[in-house]
Amino acid sequence: MDTPALLVLFYIALFTCCLAGAEEDGIAIIKTGEVLVLDCFVEGPGGEQDHEVVWLLDGNQVSNASRLVLEDLDHTYHGSNITCYNGTALVQSRIIHFHHEDVLEAGETLRLNCTTYPTTASDVTWHHSNKMVTSDWVITDLDNGTSQLMIPNVMLDDSGVYSCMSPQGATIKVFNVSIGLFPQAPEVDCFGCNTVDFTCEWKDISDTHLPTDVTYEYKEYG
């Protein structure tokens, strides 16, 4: 009789994580698939919650609840203005920044395109959240009025937020770039007397510098 064989399969996937509705300096940051949640609490004369709250999106009323929840937002909302009013008093104002996500393996070439109309492509400046422009950045003005940033052979420290800006200092487009290493499946050792009582051991996978999900699957063949 053939002895049943044990097979342990490993599935490894890379993914990026983000926080919906992250805020910084009057900016509401969203990414693909996220839900934007903003709160606008106003105290009444006695310290109670004042419910005379109105949320406007580009001047159009979208809610009169203290908590604003917006779903299905995409890049077309980049630059839109969200304001909360209590009566005629402005309580808070946010500008939506849509972050385009790019995940690359170290050693690949990064290309980011920024359509600049009515600003000419040559007037656009590129910025990185963690470092200044370096000599390996190649900035090209494409025929369709687009400024392209190319970085060959990206490294781990090229991760971060990239933005292209107009001469007036306005942000035109924002990119969230994550650079990682391709995960390697760990070596697995399994031992036991039968297919029911056995033990498997393995070492942690090497650091990919990205959130990495590892799934283990056991199959019995007889």
N, C-alpha and C. Protein backbone atom coordinates (compact mmCIF):
# COMPACT_ATOMS: atom_id res chain seq x y z
N MET A 1 0.85 -1.19 0.00
CA MET A 1 0.00 0.00 0.00
C MET A 1 0.89 1.24 0.00
N ASP A 2 0.51 2.16 -0.84
CA ASP A 2 1.30 3.39 -0.90
C ASP A 2 1.08 4.22 0.35
N THR A 3 2.15 4.83 0.82
CA THR A 3 2.06 5.70 1.99
C THR A 3 1.54 7.06 1.57
N PRO A 4 0.49 7.57 2.24
CA PRO A 4 -0.02 8.90 1.87
C PRO A 4 1.07 9.95 1.99
N ALA A 5 1.04 10.88 1.10
CA ALA A 5 2.05 11.95 1.11
C ALA A 5 1.43 13.22 1.65
N LEU A 6 2.25 14.01 2.31
CA LEU A 6 1.81 15.29 2.85
C LEU A 6 2.31 16.40 1.95
N LEU A 7 1.46 17.37 1.72
CA LEU A 7 1.87 18.52 0.92
C LEU A 7 1.39 19.77 1.63
N VAL A 8 2.31 20.63 1.96
CA VAL A 8 1.97 21.92 2.56
C VAL A 8 2.28 23.00 1.54
N LEU A 9 1.27 23.75 1.16
CA LEU A 9 1.43 24.79 0.15
C LEU A 9 1.44 26.15 0.82
N PHE A 10 2.23 27.05 0.26
CA PHE A 10 2.34 28.40 0.78
C PHE A 10 1.91 29.38 -0.31
N TYR A 11 1.02 30.28 0.04
CA TYR A 11 0.63 31.34 -0.88
C TYR A 11 1.05 32.66 -0.26
N ILE A 12 1.82 33.41 -1.00
CA ILE A 12 2.35 34.67 -0.47
C ILE A 12 1.89 35.79 -1.38
N ALA A 13 1.33 36.81 -0.79
CA ALA A 13 0.84 37.94 -1.59
C ALA A 13 1.28 39.24 -0.95
N LEU A 14 1.61 40.20 -1.79
CA LEU A 14 1.96 41.54 -1.32
C LEU A 14 0.74 42.43 -1.46
N PHE A 15 0.55 43.32 -0.51
CA PHE A 15 -0.53 44.28 -0.63
C PHE A 15 -0.15 45.52 0.14
N THR A 16 -0.79 46.62 -0.20
CA THR A 16 -0.53 47.87 0.50
C THR A 16 -1.70 48.20 1.39
N CYS A 17 -1.41 48.84 2.51
CA CYS A 17 -2.45 49.22 3.47
C CYS A 17 -2.55 50.73 3.53
N CYS A 18 -3.70 51.18 3.87
CA CYS A 18 -3.86 52.62 3.97
C CYS A 18 -5.01 52.93 4.91
N LEU A 19 -5.08 54.20 5.36
CA LEU A 19 -6.13 54.66 6.25
C LEU A 19 -7.07 55.55 5.49
N ALA A 20 -8.36 55.21 5.51
CA ALA A 20 -9.34 56.03 4.82
C ALA A 20 -9.51 57.36 5.53
N GLY A 21 -9.56 58.42 4.73
CA GLY A 21 -9.82 59.72 5.30
C GLY A 21 -8.66 60.28 6.10
N ALA A 22 -7.44 59.89 5.80
CA ALA A 22 -6.30 60.47 6.50
C ALA A 22 -6.27 61.97 6.23
N GLU A 23 -5.88 62.75 7.23
CA GLU A 23 -5.93 64.19 7.10
C GLU A 23 -4.58 64.80 7.43
N GLU A 24 -4.21 65.85 6.71
CA GLU A 24 -3.01 66.60 7.04
C GLU A 24 -3.14 68.00 6.46
N ASP A 25 -3.02 69.01 7.34
CA ASP A 25 -3.01 70.40 6.91
C ASP A 25 -4.18 70.75 6.00
N GLY A 26 -5.41 70.43 6.41
CA GLY A 26 -6.58 70.78 5.63
C GLY A 26 -6.79 69.93 4.40
N ILE A 27 -6.13 68.77 4.33
CA ILE A 27 -6.24 67.88 3.17
C ILE A 27 -6.87 66.57 3.62
N ALA A 28 -7.82 66.07 2.84
CA ALA A 28 -8.39 64.75 3.07
C ALA A 28 -7.84 63.82 2.00
N ILE A 29 -7.06 62.82 2.42
CA ILE A 29 -6.38 61.93 1.48
C ILE A 29 -7.18 60.65 1.30
N ILE A 30 -7.45 60.29 0.05
CA ILE A 30 -8.14 59.04 -0.24
C ILE A 30 -7.36 58.25 -1.27
N LYS A 31 -7.61 56.94 -1.29
CA LYS A 31 -7.01 56.05 -2.27
C LYS A 31 -8.10 55.16 -2.84
N THR A 32 -7.76 54.42 -3.87
CA THR A 32 -8.74 53.58 -4.54
C THR A 32 -9.41 52.62 -3.57
N GLY A 33 -10.75 52.58 -3.60
CA GLY A 33 -11.50 51.64 -2.78
C GLY A 33 -11.76 52.10 -1.36
N GLU A 34 -11.30 53.28 -0.99
CA GLU A 34 -11.49 53.74 0.38
C GLU A 34 -12.81 54.50 0.54
N VAL A 35 -13.24 54.60 1.78
CA VAL A 35 -14.40 55.41 2.15
C VAL A 35 -13.90 56.60 2.96
N LEU A 36 -14.32 57.79 2.57
CA LEU A 36 -13.90 59.00 3.27
C LEU A 36 -14.87 59.29 4.41
N VAL A 37 -14.34 59.39 5.63
CA VAL A 37 -15.16 59.67 6.81
C VAL A 37 -14.60 60.91 7.50
N LEU A 38 -15.45 61.93 7.67
CA LEU A 38 -15.06 63.16 8.35
C LEU A 38 -16.12 63.51 9.39
N ASP A 39 -15.68 64.04 10.52
CA ASP A 39 -16.59 64.43 11.60
C ASP A 39 -16.58 65.94 11.79
N CYS A 40 -17.76 66.48 12.08
CA CYS A 40 -17.90 67.91 12.32
C CYS A 40 -18.80 68.09 13.54
N PHE A 41 -18.20 68.24 14.71
CA PHE A 41 -18.95 68.36 15.95
C PHE A 41 -18.95 69.82 16.40
N VAL A 42 -20.14 70.33 16.68
CA VAL A 42 -20.28 71.71 17.14
C VAL A 42 -21.09 71.69 18.44
N GLU A 43 -20.54 72.30 19.49
CA GLU A 43 -21.24 72.33 20.78
C GLU A 43 -22.23 73.49 20.83
N GLY A 44 -23.41 73.19 21.39
CA GLY A 44 -24.41 74.22 21.61
C GLY A 44 -24.10 75.02 22.86
N PRO A 45 -24.96 75.98 23.23
CA PRO A 45 -24.71 76.85 24.40
C PRO A 45 -24.54 76.06 25.69
N GLY A 46 -25.24 74.93 25.82
CA GLY A 46 -25.14 74.14 27.05
C GLY A 46 -24.15 73.00 26.96
N GLY A 47 -23.32 72.99 25.93
CA GLY A 47 -22.34 71.93 25.76
C GLY A 47 -22.85 70.73 25.01
N GLU A 48 -24.14 70.77 24.61
CA GLU A 48 -24.71 69.65 23.88
C GLU A 48 -24.31 69.73 22.40
N GLN A 49 -24.49 68.62 21.69
CA GLN A 49 -24.17 68.59 20.27
C GLN A 49 -25.16 69.44 19.48
N ASP A 50 -24.63 70.40 18.71
CA ASP A 50 -25.47 71.23 17.85
C ASP A 50 -25.69 70.50 16.53
N HIS A 51 -26.94 70.28 16.17
CA HIS A 51 -27.25 69.48 14.99
C HIS A 51 -27.47 70.32 13.73
N GLU A 52 -27.26 71.64 13.82
CA GLU A 52 -27.42 72.48 12.64
C GLU A 52 -26.13 72.46 11.82
N VAL A 53 -25.81 71.28 11.31
CA VAL A 53 -24.57 71.07 10.56
C VAL A 53 -24.92 70.75 9.11
N VAL A 54 -24.19 71.37 8.19
CA VAL A 54 -24.39 71.11 6.77
C VAL A 54 -23.03 70.85 6.13
N TRP A 55 -22.93 69.75 5.39
CA TRP A 55 -21.72 69.43 4.63
C TRP A 55 -21.94 69.79 3.16
N LEU A 56 -20.94 70.47 2.57
CA LEU A 56 -21.00 70.82 1.15
C LEU A 56 -19.80 70.21 0.43
N LEU A 57 -20.06 69.69 -0.76
CA LEU A 57 -19.00 69.19 -1.64
C LEU A 57 -19.00 70.05 -2.89
N ASP A 58 -17.97 70.87 -3.03
CA ASP A 58 -17.89 71.84 -4.13
C ASP A 58 -19.14 72.71 -4.19
N GLY A 59 -19.62 73.12 -3.00
CA GLY A 59 -20.76 74.03 -2.92
C GLY A 59 -22.12 73.37 -2.94
N ASN A 60 -22.18 72.05 -3.13
CA ASN A 60 -23.45 71.34 -3.16
C ASN A 60 -23.64 70.54 -1.88
N GLN A 61 -24.82 70.68 -1.26
CA GLN A 61 -25.07 69.99 0.00
C GLN A 61 -25.11 68.48 -0.22
N VAL A 62 -24.36 67.76 0.64
CA VAL A 62 -24.31 66.30 0.53
C VAL A 62 -24.77 65.61 1.82
N SER A 63 -24.83 66.37 2.93
CA SER A 63 -25.26 65.75 4.19
C SER A 63 -25.56 66.84 5.21
N ASN A 64 -26.46 66.51 6.16
CA ASN A 64 -26.69 67.40 7.30
C ASN A 64 -26.45 66.67 8.61
N ALA A 65 -25.69 65.56 8.54
CA ALA A 65 -25.31 64.81 9.74
C ALA A 65 -23.93 65.26 10.19
N SER A 66 -23.64 65.08 11.47
CA SER A 66 -22.34 65.50 11.98
C SER A 66 -21.21 64.67 11.39
N ARG A 67 -21.49 63.42 11.05
CA ARG A 67 -20.48 62.56 10.41
C ARG A 67 -20.78 62.43 8.92
N LEU A 68 -19.78 62.76 8.11
CA LEU A 68 -19.91 62.66 6.65
C LEU A 68 -19.23 61.38 6.18
N VAL A 69 -19.96 60.58 5.41
CA VAL A 69 -19.42 59.34 4.85
C VAL A 69 -19.61 59.39 3.33
N LEU A 70 -18.50 59.36 2.60
CA LEU A 70 -18.54 59.40 1.14
C LEU A 70 -17.90 58.14 0.59
N GLU A 71 -18.65 57.42 -0.24
CA GLU A 71 -18.16 56.19 -0.86
C GLU A 71 -17.96 56.42 -2.36
N ASP A 72 -17.30 55.46 -2.99
CA ASP A 72 -17.12 55.44 -4.45
C ASP A 72 -16.42 56.70 -4.97
N LEU A 73 -15.50 57.25 -4.19
CA LEU A 73 -14.71 58.38 -4.67
C LEU A 73 -13.57 57.87 -5.55
N ASP A 74 -13.26 58.62 -6.59
CA ASP A 74 -12.14 58.25 -7.46
C ASP A 74 -11.33 59.49 -7.79
N HIS A 75 -10.42 59.36 -8.77
CA HIS A 75 -9.49 60.45 -9.08
C HIS A 75 -10.18 61.70 -9.59
N THR A 76 -11.44 61.59 -10.05
CA THR A 76 -12.14 62.77 -10.56
C THR A 76 -12.47 63.76 -9.44
N TYR A 77 -12.40 63.31 -8.18
CA TYR A 77 -12.68 64.18 -7.04
C TYR A 77 -11.42 64.88 -6.52
N HIS A 78 -10.28 64.59 -7.14
CA HIS A 78 -9.05 65.25 -6.69
C HIS A 78 -9.19 66.77 -6.83
N GLY A 79 -8.92 67.48 -5.75
CA GLY A 79 -9.03 68.94 -5.75
C GLY A 79 -10.38 69.46 -5.33
N SER A 80 -11.36 68.56 -5.12
CA SER A 80 -12.68 69.01 -4.68
C SER A 80 -12.61 69.54 -3.25
N ASN A 81 -13.51 70.46 -2.94
CA ASN A 81 -13.51 71.12 -1.63
C ASN A 81 -14.69 70.62 -0.80
N ILE A 82 -14.39 70.15 0.41
CA ILE A 82 -15.42 69.71 1.35
C ILE A 82 -15.46 70.71 2.50
N THR A 83 -16.64 71.25 2.79
CA THR A 83 -16.77 72.23 3.88
C THR A 83 -17.91 71.83 4.80
N CYS A 84 -17.75 72.17 6.07
CA CYS A 84 -18.79 71.94 7.07
C CYS A 84 -19.18 73.29 7.66
N TYR A 85 -20.49 73.57 7.64
CA TYR A 85 -21.01 74.83 8.17
C TYR A 85 -21.96 74.55 9.33
N ASN A 86 -21.92 75.44 10.31
CA ASN A 86 -22.93 75.46 11.36
C ASN A 86 -23.69 76.77 11.19
N GLY A 87 -24.85 76.66 10.54
CA GLY A 87 -25.55 77.88 10.14
C GLY A 87 -24.77 78.54 9.02
N THR A 88 -24.30 79.76 9.27
CA THR A 88 -23.48 80.46 8.28
C THR A 88 -21.99 80.44 8.65
N ALA A 89 -21.66 79.82 9.78
CA ALA A 89 -20.26 79.81 10.25
C ALA A 89 -19.53 78.60 9.69
N LEU A 90 -18.37 78.85 9.08
CA LEU A 90 -17.54 77.77 8.57
C LEU A 90 -16.82 77.08 9.73
N VAL A 91 -17.01 75.77 9.85
CA VAL A 91 -16.39 75.01 10.93
C VAL A 91 -15.07 74.40 10.47
N GLN A 92 -15.08 73.78 9.29
CA GLN A 92 -13.85 73.21 8.76
C GLN A 92 -13.95 73.09 7.25
N SER A 93 -12.77 73.01 6.62
CA SER A 93 -12.70 72.89 5.17
C SER A 93 -11.57 71.94 4.81
N ARG A 94 -11.82 71.04 3.87
CA ARG A 94 -10.82 70.06 3.43
C ARG A 94 -10.77 70.03 1.91
N ILE A 95 -9.57 69.83 1.39
CA ILE A 95 -9.36 69.62 -0.04
C ILE A 95 -9.06 68.14 -0.24
N ILE A 96 -9.78 67.49 -1.16
CA ILE A 96 -9.56 66.07 -1.42
C ILE A 96 -8.31 65.89 -2.27
N HIS A 97 -7.41 65.05 -1.79
CA HIS A 97 -6.25 64.63 -2.57
C HIS A 97 -6.37 63.14 -2.83
N PHE A 98 -6.46 62.78 -4.10
CA PHE A 98 -6.55 61.37 -4.47
C PHE A 98 -5.14 60.84 -4.70
N HIS A 99 -4.76 59.81 -3.94
CA HIS A 99 -3.43 59.22 -4.07
C HIS A 99 -3.49 58.03 -5.02
N HIS A 100 -2.77 58.13 -6.11
CA HIS A 100 -2.62 57.00 -7.01
C HIS A 100 -1.56 56.06 -6.42
N GLU A 101 -1.88 54.78 -6.35
CA GLU A 101 -0.99 53.83 -5.72
C GLU A 101 -0.16 53.07 -6.75
N ASP A 102 1.12 52.97 -6.49
CA ASP A 102 2.03 52.20 -7.34
C ASP A 102 2.87 51.31 -6.44
N VAL A 103 2.87 50.01 -6.72
CA VAL A 103 3.69 49.05 -5.98
C VAL A 103 4.66 48.41 -6.96
N LEU A 104 5.95 48.53 -6.67
CA LEU A 104 6.97 48.00 -7.56
C LEU A 104 7.95 47.14 -6.78
N GLU A 105 8.61 46.25 -7.52
CA GLU A 105 9.69 45.47 -6.94
C GLU A 105 10.99 46.24 -7.12
N ALA A 106 11.85 46.18 -6.13
CA ALA A 106 13.15 46.85 -6.22
C ALA A 106 13.87 46.42 -7.49
N GLY A 107 14.42 47.41 -8.20
CA GLY A 107 15.10 47.14 -9.46
C GLY A 107 14.27 47.48 -10.68
N GLU A 108 12.95 47.66 -10.51
CA GLU A 108 12.10 48.02 -11.64
C GLU A 108 12.21 49.51 -11.93
N THR A 109 11.57 49.94 -13.02
CA THR A 109 11.57 51.35 -13.41
C THR A 109 10.23 51.98 -13.04
N LEU A 110 10.29 53.09 -12.32
CA LEU A 110 9.09 53.82 -11.92
C LEU A 110 8.80 54.91 -12.95
N ARG A 111 7.55 54.95 -13.43
CA ARG A 111 7.11 56.02 -14.34
C ARG A 111 5.83 56.63 -13.80
N LEU A 112 5.84 57.93 -13.59
CA LEU A 112 4.67 58.66 -13.11
C LEU A 112 4.35 59.77 -14.11
N ASN A 113 3.08 59.84 -14.52
CA ASN A 113 2.65 60.84 -15.49
C ASN A 113 1.74 61.87 -14.84
N CYS A 114 1.97 63.13 -15.18
CA CYS A 114 1.19 64.23 -14.61
C CYS A 114 0.72 65.13 -15.75
N THR A 115 -0.57 65.04 -16.07
CA THR A 115 -1.15 65.89 -17.11
C THR A 115 -1.36 67.29 -16.54
N THR A 116 -0.85 68.28 -17.23
CA THR A 116 -0.68 69.60 -16.61
C THR A 116 -1.56 70.69 -17.18
N TYR A 117 -2.41 70.39 -18.15
CA TYR A 117 -3.23 71.43 -18.77
C TYR A 117 -4.04 72.18 -17.70
N PRO A 118 -4.10 73.52 -17.71
CA PRO A 118 -3.52 74.43 -18.71
C PRO A 118 -2.06 74.80 -18.45
N THR A 119 -1.46 74.27 -17.37
CA THR A 119 -0.05 74.54 -17.11
C THR A 119 0.81 73.75 -18.09
N THR A 120 1.83 74.37 -18.66
CA THR A 120 2.71 73.65 -19.58
C THR A 120 3.57 72.67 -18.79
N ALA A 121 3.89 71.54 -19.43
CA ALA A 121 4.61 70.47 -18.74
C ALA A 121 5.96 70.93 -18.23
N SER A 122 6.61 71.83 -18.96
CA SER A 122 7.95 72.27 -18.56
C SER A 122 7.94 73.09 -17.28
N ASP A 123 6.77 73.61 -16.88
CA ASP A 123 6.68 74.43 -15.67
C ASP A 123 6.37 73.60 -14.43
N VAL A 124 6.16 72.30 -14.60
CA VAL A 124 5.80 71.44 -13.47
C VAL A 124 7.04 71.06 -12.68
N THR A 125 6.92 71.02 -11.37
CA THR A 125 8.01 70.55 -10.51
C THR A 125 7.55 69.29 -9.78
N TRP A 126 8.48 68.37 -9.59
CA TRP A 126 8.20 67.10 -8.92
C TRP A 126 8.81 67.12 -7.52
N HIS A 127 8.10 66.53 -6.58
CA HIS A 127 8.56 66.50 -5.19
C HIS A 127 8.37 65.10 -4.61
N HIS A 128 9.22 64.79 -3.65
CA HIS A 128 9.16 63.50 -2.94
C HIS A 128 9.08 63.79 -1.46
N SER A 129 8.31 62.98 -0.74
CA SER A 129 8.07 63.26 0.68
C SER A 129 9.31 63.07 1.54
N ASN A 130 10.25 62.22 1.09
CA ASN A 130 11.37 61.87 1.96
C ASN A 130 12.72 62.41 1.51
N LYS A 131 12.83 62.86 0.26
CA LYS A 131 14.14 63.31 -0.19
C LYS A 131 14.01 64.30 -1.34
N MET A 132 15.10 64.99 -1.64
CA MET A 132 15.12 65.97 -2.71
C MET A 132 15.29 65.26 -4.05
N VAL A 133 15.08 66.03 -5.12
CA VAL A 133 15.30 65.50 -6.47
C VAL A 133 16.76 65.06 -6.60
N THR A 134 16.97 63.86 -7.16
CA THR A 134 18.32 63.33 -7.31
C THR A 134 18.67 63.22 -8.78
N SER A 135 19.94 62.96 -9.05
CA SER A 135 20.43 62.95 -10.43
C SER A 135 19.86 61.81 -11.26
N ASP A 136 19.34 60.76 -10.60
CA ASP A 136 18.80 59.65 -11.37
C ASP A 136 17.34 59.86 -11.77
N TRP A 137 16.76 61.00 -11.39
CA TRP A 137 15.41 61.33 -11.84
C TRP A 137 15.47 61.83 -13.28
N VAL A 138 14.63 61.27 -14.14
CA VAL A 138 14.55 61.70 -15.53
C VAL A 138 13.16 62.30 -15.74
N ILE A 139 13.09 63.60 -15.98
CA ILE A 139 11.82 64.30 -16.17
C ILE A 139 11.69 64.67 -17.65
N THR A 140 10.61 64.20 -18.28
CA THR A 140 10.41 64.38 -19.72
C THR A 140 9.08 65.06 -19.98
N ASP A 141 9.05 65.99 -20.93
CA ASP A 141 7.81 66.61 -21.38
C ASP A 141 7.28 65.83 -22.57
N LEU A 142 6.18 65.10 -22.38
CA LEU A 142 5.60 64.31 -23.45
C LEU A 142 4.78 65.20 -24.39
N ASP A 143 4.45 64.65 -25.56
CA ASP A 143 3.78 65.45 -26.60
C ASP A 143 2.38 65.91 -26.19
N ASN A 144 1.71 65.16 -25.31
CA ASN A 144 0.32 65.48 -24.97
C ASN A 144 0.22 66.43 -23.77
N GLY A 145 1.28 67.18 -23.49
CA GLY A 145 1.23 68.13 -22.38
C GLY A 145 1.37 67.47 -21.03
N THR A 146 2.00 66.31 -21.00
CA THR A 146 2.18 65.55 -19.76
C THR A 146 3.64 65.57 -19.35
N SER A 147 3.87 65.81 -18.07
CA SER A 147 5.22 65.71 -17.51
C SER A 147 5.38 64.30 -16.93
N GLN A 148 6.45 63.62 -17.34
CA GLN A 148 6.68 62.26 -16.86
C GLN A 148 7.96 62.21 -16.02
N LEU A 149 7.82 61.63 -14.84
CA LEU A 149 8.97 61.37 -13.98
C LEU A 149 9.34 59.90 -14.10
N MET A 150 10.59 59.62 -14.43
CA MET A 150 11.06 58.25 -14.55
C MET A 150 12.27 58.05 -13.63
N ILE A 151 12.23 56.99 -12.83
CA ILE A 151 13.35 56.63 -11.97
C ILE A 151 13.71 55.19 -12.27
N PRO A 152 14.84 54.95 -12.94
CA PRO A 152 15.23 53.57 -13.24
C PRO A 152 15.82 52.89 -12.01
N ASN A 153 15.68 51.57 -11.96
CA ASN A 153 16.32 50.77 -10.92
C ASN A 153 15.99 51.30 -9.52
N VAL A 154 14.69 51.37 -9.20
CA VAL A 154 14.27 51.94 -7.92
C VAL A 154 14.79 51.10 -6.76
N MET A 155 15.03 51.79 -5.65
CA MET A 155 15.49 51.14 -4.42
C MET A 155 14.44 51.34 -3.33
N LEU A 156 14.66 50.70 -2.19
CA LEU A 156 13.67 50.75 -1.12
C LEU A 156 13.41 52.17 -0.65
N ASP A 157 14.44 53.02 -0.61
CA ASP A 157 14.24 54.38 -0.11
C ASP A 157 13.57 55.29 -1.13
N ASP A 158 13.23 54.75 -2.31
CA ASP A 158 12.43 55.52 -3.27
C ASP A 158 10.94 55.46 -2.94
N SER A 159 10.56 54.66 -1.94
CA SER A 159 9.17 54.63 -1.50
C SER A 159 8.78 55.98 -0.91
N GLY A 160 7.48 56.28 -0.96
CA GLY A 160 7.00 57.52 -0.37
C GLY A 160 5.94 58.17 -1.25
N VAL A 161 5.63 59.41 -0.94
CA VAL A 161 4.60 60.16 -1.66
C VAL A 161 5.27 61.11 -2.64
N TYR A 162 4.90 60.98 -3.91
CA TYR A 162 5.39 61.87 -4.96
C TYR A 162 4.25 62.80 -5.37
N SER A 163 4.59 64.02 -5.70
CA SER A 163 3.58 64.97 -6.15
C SER A 163 4.16 65.85 -7.25
N CYS A 164 3.29 66.22 -8.19
CA CYS A 164 3.68 67.20 -9.20
C CYS A 164 2.91 68.48 -8.90
N MET A 165 3.60 69.62 -9.04
CA MET A 165 3.02 70.89 -8.61
C MET A 165 3.14 71.94 -9.70
N SER A 166 2.18 72.84 -9.71
CA SER A 166 2.17 73.94 -10.67
C SER A 166 3.13 75.03 -10.21
N PRO A 167 3.45 76.00 -11.09
CA PRO A 167 4.34 77.10 -10.68
C PRO A 167 3.79 77.90 -9.51
N GLN A 168 2.45 77.88 -9.33
CA GLN A 168 1.84 78.62 -8.22
C GLN A 168 1.88 77.83 -6.91
N GLY A 169 2.41 76.61 -6.94
CA GLY A 169 2.51 75.81 -5.73
C GLY A 169 1.32 74.91 -5.48
N ALA A 170 0.38 74.84 -6.43
CA ALA A 170 -0.79 73.98 -6.26
C ALA A 170 -0.44 72.54 -6.64
N THR A 171 -0.92 71.60 -5.85
CA THR A 171 -0.68 70.19 -6.13
C THR A 171 -1.60 69.73 -7.25
N ILE A 172 -1.02 69.19 -8.32
CA ILE A 172 -1.80 68.72 -9.46
C ILE A 172 -2.19 67.26 -9.28
N LYS A 173 -1.24 66.45 -8.82
CA LYS A 173 -1.49 65.02 -8.70
C LYS A 173 -0.58 64.44 -7.63
N VAL A 174 -1.06 63.42 -6.94
CA VAL A 174 -0.30 62.80 -5.85
C VAL A 174 -0.21 61.29 -6.10
N PHE A 175 0.96 60.72 -5.86
CA PHE A 175 1.18 59.29 -6.05
C PHE A 175 1.76 58.70 -4.77
N ASN A 176 1.23 57.57 -4.35
CA ASN A 176 1.77 56.85 -3.19
C ASN A 176 2.53 55.64 -3.72
N VAL A 177 3.84 55.65 -3.59
CA VAL A 177 4.69 54.62 -4.19
C VAL A 177 5.29 53.74 -3.10
N SER A 178 5.15 52.43 -3.26
CA SER A 178 5.71 51.47 -2.32
C SER A 178 6.65 50.54 -3.07
N ILE A 179 7.88 50.44 -2.60
CA ILE A 179 8.89 49.57 -3.21
C ILE A 179 9.17 48.42 -2.24
N GLY A 180 9.17 47.20 -2.76
CA GLY A 180 9.41 46.05 -1.90
C GLY A 180 10.26 45.00 -2.59
N LEU A 181 10.52 43.94 -1.86
CA LEU A 181 11.28 42.80 -2.37
C LEU A 181 10.33 41.63 -2.58
N PHE A 182 10.54 40.89 -3.67
CA PHE A 182 9.66 39.75 -3.95
C PHE A 182 9.85 38.69 -2.87
N PRO A 183 8.75 38.21 -2.28
CA PRO A 183 8.88 37.25 -1.18
C PRO A 183 9.31 35.87 -1.66
N GLN A 184 10.08 35.21 -0.84
CA GLN A 184 10.52 33.85 -1.12
C GLN A 184 9.78 32.89 -0.19
N ALA A 185 9.31 31.77 -0.74
CA ALA A 185 8.61 30.78 0.09
C ALA A 185 9.58 30.18 1.10
N PRO A 186 9.18 30.07 2.36
CA PRO A 186 10.08 29.51 3.38
C PRO A 186 10.26 28.00 3.21
N GLU A 187 11.38 27.48 3.69
CA GLU A 187 11.60 26.04 3.69
C GLU A 187 10.78 25.41 4.81
N VAL A 188 10.10 24.31 4.49
CA VAL A 188 9.21 23.66 5.44
C VAL A 188 9.69 22.23 5.70
N ASP A 189 9.76 21.84 6.96
CA ASP A 189 10.09 20.47 7.35
C ASP A 189 8.92 19.89 8.12
N CYS A 190 8.38 18.77 7.64
CA CYS A 190 7.27 18.09 8.30
C CYS A 190 7.70 16.67 8.67
N PHE A 191 7.30 16.23 9.86
CA PHE A 191 7.64 14.88 10.28
C PHE A 191 6.53 14.35 11.18
N GLY A 192 6.33 13.02 11.15
CA GLY A 192 5.30 12.38 11.95
C GLY A 192 5.15 10.92 11.57
N CYS A 193 4.33 10.20 12.34
CA CYS A 193 4.14 8.77 12.11
C CYS A 193 3.03 8.49 11.11
N ASN A 194 2.10 9.43 10.93
CA ASN A 194 1.00 9.24 10.00
C ASN A 194 0.52 10.61 9.53
N THR A 195 -0.59 10.61 8.79
CA THR A 195 -1.08 11.87 8.22
C THR A 195 -1.96 12.65 9.18
N VAL A 196 -2.15 12.13 10.39
CA VAL A 196 -2.96 12.81 11.39
C VAL A 196 -2.09 13.47 12.44
N ASP A 197 -1.12 12.71 12.93
CA ASP A 197 -0.22 13.22 13.97
C ASP A 197 1.12 13.58 13.33
N PHE A 198 1.30 14.83 13.05
CA PHE A 198 2.55 15.28 12.45
C PHE A 198 2.80 16.73 12.84
N THR A 199 4.01 17.15 12.64
CA THR A 199 4.41 18.51 12.98
C THR A 199 5.18 19.12 11.82
N CYS A 200 4.91 20.38 11.54
CA CYS A 200 5.65 21.10 10.50
C CYS A 200 6.33 22.31 11.13
N GLU A 201 7.52 22.57 10.69
CA GLU A 201 8.28 23.72 11.16
C GLU A 201 8.78 24.52 9.97
N TRP A 202 8.85 25.83 10.15
CA TRP A 202 9.39 26.69 9.10
C TRP A 202 9.88 27.98 9.73
N LYS A 203 10.73 28.66 9.01
CA LYS A 203 11.24 29.95 9.46
C LYS A 203 10.42 31.06 8.81
N ASP A 204 10.41 32.20 9.47
CA ASP A 204 9.71 33.35 8.90
C ASP A 204 10.32 33.72 7.56
N ILE A 205 9.46 34.24 6.66
CA ILE A 205 9.97 34.67 5.36
C ILE A 205 10.83 35.91 5.55
N SER A 206 11.69 36.16 4.59
CA SER A 206 12.55 37.34 4.65
C SER A 206 11.70 38.60 4.53
N ASP A 207 12.22 39.70 5.07
CA ASP A 207 11.49 40.96 5.09
C ASP A 207 11.30 41.48 3.67
N THR A 208 10.05 41.71 3.28
CA THR A 208 9.76 42.22 1.94
C THR A 208 9.64 43.74 1.92
N HIS A 209 9.60 44.36 3.12
CA HIS A 209 9.43 45.81 3.26
C HIS A 209 8.04 46.27 2.79
N LEU A 210 7.12 45.33 2.68
CA LEU A 210 5.72 45.62 2.39
C LEU A 210 4.88 44.69 3.25
N PRO A 211 3.64 45.09 3.59
CA PRO A 211 2.76 44.13 4.26
C PRO A 211 2.62 42.88 3.41
N THR A 212 2.86 41.72 3.99
CA THR A 212 2.87 40.47 3.24
C THR A 212 1.98 39.45 3.93
N ASP A 213 1.10 38.85 3.17
CA ASP A 213 0.17 37.85 3.70
C ASP A 213 0.64 36.46 3.29
N VAL A 214 0.76 35.57 4.27
CA VAL A 214 1.20 34.19 4.01
C VAL A 214 0.07 33.25 4.37
N THR A 215 -0.33 32.39 3.44
CA THR A 215 -1.40 31.42 3.67
C THR A 215 -0.84 30.01 3.57
N TYR A 216 -1.17 29.18 4.55
CA TYR A 216 -0.70 27.80 4.58
C TYR A 216 -1.88 26.87 4.28
N GLU A 217 -1.63 25.88 3.43
CA GLU A 217 -2.68 24.93 3.07
C GLU A 217 -2.15 23.51 3.16
N TYR A 218 -2.91 22.65 3.80
CA TYR A 218 -2.51 21.25 3.96
C TYR A 218 -3.38 20.37 3.07
N LYS A 219 -2.74 19.49 2.31
CA LYS A 219 -3.46 18.54 1.48
C LYS A 219 -2.89 17.14 1.71
N GLU A 220 -3.78 16.17 1.67
CA GLU A 220 -3.37 14.78 1.86
C GLU A 220 -3.60 14.01 0.57
N TYR A 221 -2.57 13.31 0.12
CA TYR A 221 -2.66 12.50 -1.09
C TYR A 221 -2.42 11.04 -0.71
N GLY A 222 -3.26 10.13 -1.18
CA GLY A 222 -3.09 8.73 -0.85
C GLY A 222 -3.26 7.84 -2.05
